[in-house]
Amino acid sequence: MLMSGTAANVKNSSVQYIARQVILDKAQNMFAYELLYRDSDHNAFPSGVTDGQATGRMFFNSLMLVGLERLAAGHRAFINLSDESLLQELPKLFNPDNLVIEIVERSQNIPELLKTVLRLKQQGYHFALDDYDGDERWLPLLEHMHYIKLEIEQPIIKTTMMLKKLKRTYPDVKIVVERIETQEEYNFIHAAGADYFQGYFFARPEMLNHGNIEPSKFAVFDLLRCTAKKNLCFKEVQQRVAKDLSLTARVLKLANAKAGESKVEMKSIAQAVVYLGEDAIRQFVRVLALSELGLDKPAELTKMGLMRARFIELFLKPGGNEMAEQGYLIGLMSILDAVLEIELTTVISEFSLDSSLSSALLDYQGLLGGVLRLALEVEQNNWVEAEAILNAIRPATGKEHLFDLAMKSRAYADEVFAVVHTG
């Protein structure tokens, strides 16, 4: 669940923060939000964090898991991107609708940035130059921007003169003025012809927070090694993603974002990986590694999810790989509501799950649902109930087989847990 205001109490200790500040038009109507990275409930950009780290953490901890539309409440969203993220064409991971990419003032390598901007503009992406200071190094970019953002300077006539000059030179570019703190400043800027307005005079950044689970460093770097190969093996990627709940969540969200309005239903991790394609997978892993996500100790909840996923996969293996893969996904998704502090119905909606998977998760319907119920009863050592479910879905299988699967799934989870712990 997305929450506004101060940090809410959540069961998961890994809480992610993001702030949003309103941008208004000339009539002081809502135009857009700027989304701002935060690492605590202290409403300020954290010290010691690079643009690249902030970009990666905001993208993969908030935009991908919660969704751009929900964070910006359906409005246009301005987001800051580091220059390295732009050069990697990170925006292509998201639909260009209602997205404005801000080029930060610390950006370097302007000639290469210009090439990237021109390519992405052809694909429908919109750009803003943040904190424009009049430096000549920005000249190649200015005419290709949709927005130029200025900060209020004192005396304010310096800002109004720069604003008017920009309006004369680039009449098609919209000017956004930030850090407006008084009625007098707003009056001056409005009279000078600014198009959009932002600052404490209208609203301070609003803090949002949400539950999250981060991928382990080992899993990220293992994926990085996998995707560094000249010929990408989708099976290897799928196997690595399947061992980490947070990577599973991000890959499914990424596939959903790429699908856009078509809302392709994902039946397995393998389907999502193949749907994304080689370029998007490589981008995903590069930026994930760049942002240095990860906790040294994976949550016990994740370990339980791995055990459940493996149990269901092994039980369904005789029915073929496709069914087994769907079972593994069901096992992981069945604990995602607790991990991310969101309703299971929201999980299903956000990740565009196939109807058979949805009904299995919500109502234990079908073979998948039956095996999920079986796994839950085995976890709780409810062997009478487990045997009754087993007799209903596979009467020819003896109860001792469940003991064997439980041991194998626990060994699998312990192995993955131990490897990640030492990573």
Foldseek 3Di string as FASTA:
>chain_A
DKDWDADDDAPAPQKAKKWWFFKAFLVRDTAWIEIGGDRHRPPDRDPPADLLLSQLCCVQWPCLQPHPCVVTVNHQYEYEHAQVLLLLVVCLLFDQPSYEYEDEPPHDPVVSSLVSLVVVVVVPHAYEYEQDDPDPVCVVPLLSHQEYEHEQDPVNVVVLVVLLVSCVVRVRHAYEYEADQDPVSVVSNSVSPHGMYTHVNSNDIIMMMWFGFWWFLVLLVVLLVQLVDPDHDLVSNLVSCLLTLSSLSSLLSSLQRNCPPVLDADQFSSVSSVSCDSSNSNSSSVSNVSNVIHDLAGDVLSLQLQLQLQLQLVVCVVVDNSSSRSLSVLSSLLCVCSRTVHDSVVSCVSSRHDPVSSCLSPPLDDPSVLSSVLSVCVVVVVLVVNLVSCCVNPVVDDSVVSVVSSVVSNVVSVVSSVVSNVD
